[in-house]
């Protein structure tokens, strides 16, 4: 069941705080590659967390921030 009100409030907050509207319109096909890498693990954790495997948690493959 979808909650349209909650979705709209979340989208509005995302945009209010400077989020890119294209992310909402095009989803993971538009976001930077570092965030795309989180898509798979997020999907597993949200829908079938019991299927998580060690290679899904490889830190180097889902690293968001560059090390300097």
C-alpha atoms as a PDB file:
ATOM      1  CA  UNK A   1       0.000   0.000   0.000  1.00  0.00           C
ATOM      2  CA  UNK A   2       1.347   3.392  -0.978  1.00  0.00           C
ATOM      3  CA  UNK A   3       0.987   6.486   1.133  1.00  0.00           C
ATOM      4  CA  UNK A   4       0.869   9.317  -1.402  1.00  0.00           C
ATOM      5  CA  UNK A   5       0.889  11.984   1.298  1.00  0.00           C
ATOM      6  CA  UNK A   6       4.064  10.631   2.901  1.00  0.00           C
ATOM      7  CA  UNK A   7       5.766  10.277  -0.479  1.00  0.00           C
ATOM      8  CA  UNK A   8       4.915  13.868  -1.386  1.00  0.00           C
ATOM      9  CA  UNK A   9       6.122  15.255   1.957  1.00  0.00           C
ATOM     10  CA  UNK A  10       9.398  13.354   1.601  1.00  0.00           C
ATOM     11  CA  UNK A  11       9.881  14.562  -1.982  1.00  0.00           C
ATOM     12  CA  UNK A  12       9.166  18.154  -0.951  1.00  0.00           C
ATOM     13  CA  UNK A  13      11.679  17.947   1.905  1.00  0.00           C
ATOM     14  CA  UNK A  14      14.293  16.442  -0.443  1.00  0.00           C
ATOM     15  CA  UNK A  15      13.864  19.337  -2.869  1.00  0.00           C
ATOM     16  CA  UNK A  16      13.690  21.961  -0.096  1.00  0.00           C
ATOM     17  CA  UNK A  17      17.093  20.864   1.203  1.00  0.00           C
ATOM     18  CA  UNK A  18      18.695  21.095  -2.231  1.00  0.00           C
ATOM     19  CA  UNK A  19      18.064  17.645  -3.669  1.00  0.00           C
ATOM     20  CA  UNK A  20      18.265  17.227  -7.427  1.00  0.00           C
ATOM     21  CA  UNK A  21      14.786  16.942  -8.971  1.00  0.00           C
ATOM     22  CA  UNK A  22      16.178  14.618 -11.651  1.00  0.00           C
ATOM     23  CA  UNK A  23      16.829  12.003  -8.965  1.00  0.00           C
ATOM     24  CA  UNK A  24      13.104  11.898  -8.259  1.00  0.00           C
ATOM     25  CA  UNK A  25      12.144  11.836 -11.922  1.00  0.00           C
ATOM     26  CA  UNK A  26      14.689   9.292 -13.211  1.00  0.00           C
ATOM     27  CA  UNK A  27      15.676   7.312 -10.109  1.00  0.00           C
ATOM     28  CA  UNK A  28      18.901   5.320  -9.987  1.00  0.00           C
ATOM     29  CA  UNK A  29      19.504   5.772 -13.697  1.00  0.00           C
ATOM     30  CA  UNK A  30      20.360   9.437 -13.012  1.00  0.00           C
ATOM     31  CA  UNK A  31      22.162   9.463  -9.653  1.00  0.00           C
ATOM     32  CA  UNK A  32      25.968   9.438  -9.322  1.00  0.00           C
ATOM     33  CA  UNK A  33      27.653   6.042  -9.569  1.00  0.00           C
ATOM     34  CA  UNK A  34      28.594   6.046  -5.883  1.00  0.00           C
ATOM     35  CA  UNK A  35      24.925   6.153  -4.932  1.00  0.00           C
ATOM     36  CA  UNK A  36      23.936   3.643  -7.628  1.00  0.00           C
ATOM     37  CA  UNK A  37      26.211   1.139  -5.890  1.00  0.00           C
ATOM     38  CA  UNK A  38      24.043   1.411  -2.795  1.00  0.00           C
ATOM     39  CA  UNK A  39      20.908   0.534  -4.784  1.00  0.00           C
ATOM     40  CA  UNK A  40      21.493  -3.225  -4.757  1.00  0.00           C
ATOM     41  CA  UNK A  41      22.250  -3.497  -1.057  1.00  0.00           C
ATOM     42  CA  UNK A  42      19.387  -1.164  -0.172  1.00  0.00           C
ATOM     43  CA  UNK A  43      16.978  -3.294  -2.187  1.00  0.00           C
ATOM     44  CA  UNK A  44      18.147  -6.493  -0.490  1.00  0.00           C
ATOM     45  CA  UNK A  45      17.971  -4.975   2.999  1.00  0.00           C
ATOM     46  CA  UNK A  46      14.524  -3.501   2.364  1.00  0.00           C
ATOM     47  CA  UNK A  47      12.875  -6.565   0.847  1.00  0.00           C
ATOM     48  CA  UNK A  48      14.821  -9.752   1.643  1.00  0.00           C
ATOM     49  CA  UNK A  49      17.445  -9.055   4.321  1.00  0.00           C
ATOM     50  CA  UNK A  50      17.899 -12.774   5.003  1.00  0.00           C
ATOM     51  CA  UNK A  51      19.472 -13.097   1.536  1.00  0.00           C
ATOM     52  CA  UNK A  52      22.347 -10.704   2.288  1.00  0.00           C
ATOM     53  CA  UNK A  53      25.770 -12.234   1.588  1.00  0.00           C
ATOM     54  CA  UNK A  54      29.276 -11.245   2.523  1.00  0.00           C
ATOM     55  CA  UNK A  55      30.163 -10.038  -0.957  1.00  0.00           C
ATOM     56  CA  UNK A  56      27.154  -7.662  -0.822  1.00  0.00           C
ATOM     57  CA  UNK A  57      28.831  -5.926   2.104  1.00  0.00           C
ATOM     58  CA  UNK A  58      32.191  -5.384   0.399  1.00  0.00           C
ATOM     59  CA  UNK A  59      33.040  -1.913   1.677  1.00  0.00           C
ATOM     60  CA  UNK A  60      35.141  -0.975  -1.345  1.00  0.00           C
ATOM     61  CA  UNK A  61      32.257  -1.657  -3.725  1.00  0.00           C
ATOM     62  CA  UNK A  62      29.760   0.548  -1.854  1.00  0.00           C
ATOM     63  CA  UNK A  63      32.086   3.283  -0.587  1.00  0.00           C
ATOM     64  CA  UNK A  64      30.392   6.670  -0.807  1.00  0.00           C
ATOM     65  CA  UNK A  65      33.134   9.036   0.207  1.00  0.00           C
ATOM     66  CA  UNK A  66      36.535   9.216  -1.471  1.00  0.00           C
ATOM     67  CA  UNK A  67      39.484   8.707   0.801  1.00  0.00           C
ATOM     68  CA  UNK A  68      42.023  11.489   0.701  1.00  0.00           C
END
